[in-house]
Amino acid sequence: MTFADAKEKMETWLSDDNTERPHGAIGDKTPCELANPGSLPTRAPVKHPKTPASGDPD
């Protein structure tokens, strides 16, 4: 196998690994899906009740 052959095989593997194969550690998404924020569902912001901090007069 030549260096060019090895490079081509690695580029093919890397492309497949990043665009086709889901990864369990990132929610069964591909790394490209994770890197593209438009492809992920958005979460609603967490709302915290307004409570005075200890020592506040209100």
Protein backbone atom coordinates (compact mmCIF):
# COMPACT_ATOMS: atom_id res chain seq x y z
CA MET A 1 0.00 0.00 0.00
CA THR A 2 1.37 3.38 -0.94
CA PHE A 3 1.16 6.52 1.15
CA ALA A 4 -1.43 7.91 -1.29
CA ASP A 5 -3.55 4.75 -0.90
CA ALA A 6 -3.36 4.96 2.89
CA LYS A 7 -4.24 8.65 2.82
CA GLU A 8 -7.27 8.01 0.60
CA LYS A 9 -8.48 5.18 2.86
CA MET A 10 -8.09 7.37 5.97
CA GLU A 11 -9.97 10.27 4.34
CA THR A 12 -12.79 7.93 3.34
CA TRP A 13 -12.96 6.46 6.86
CA LEU A 14 -12.87 9.90 8.48
CA SER A 15 -15.64 11.21 6.24
CA ASP A 16 -17.80 8.17 6.99
CA ASP A 17 -17.08 8.37 10.72
CA ASN A 18 -18.00 12.07 10.88
CA THR A 19 -21.02 12.12 8.54
CA GLU A 20 -22.59 8.65 8.42
CA ARG A 21 -21.91 6.70 11.63
CA PRO A 22 -23.91 7.70 14.72
CA HIS A 23 -21.95 7.95 17.96
CA GLY A 24 -23.61 6.75 21.16
CA ALA A 25 -21.63 9.15 23.34
CA ILE A 26 -23.23 12.13 21.61
CA GLY A 27 -26.83 10.97 21.54
CA ASP A 28 -26.58 8.70 18.49
CA LYS A 29 -25.83 11.68 16.26
CA THR A 30 -22.97 12.07 13.86
CA PRO A 31 -20.26 14.57 14.76
CA CYS A 32 -21.37 16.70 11.80
CA GLU A 33 -24.94 16.80 13.12
CA LEU A 34 -23.63 17.89 16.50
CA ALA A 35 -21.44 20.58 14.95
CA ASN A 36 -24.37 22.00 12.96
CA PRO A 37 -26.60 23.75 15.52
CA GLY A 38 -29.48 24.01 13.04
CA SER A 39 -29.84 20.25 12.98
CA LEU A 40 -30.32 19.90 16.73
CA PRO A 41 -33.56 20.46 18.62
CA THR A 42 -33.53 23.56 20.79
CA ARG A 43 -34.20 23.41 24.49
CA ALA A 44 -36.39 25.92 26.28
CA PRO A 45 -34.45 28.20 28.62
CA VAL A 46 -34.61 27.31 32.29
CA LYS A 47 -36.75 29.78 34.23
CA HIS A 48 -35.81 30.45 37.83
CA PRO A 49 -38.32 32.02 40.21
CA LYS A 50 -37.35 35.47 41.37
CA THR A 51 -36.59 35.12 45.05
CA PRO A 52 -34.67 37.62 47.12
CA ALA A 53 -31.22 36.57 48.17
CA SER A 54 -30.55 36.19 51.85
CA GLY A 55 -30.17 39.65 53.39
CA ASP A 56 -32.02 41.53 50.60
CA PRO A 57 -34.69 43.91 51.95
CA ASP A 58 -37.29 42.90 49.31
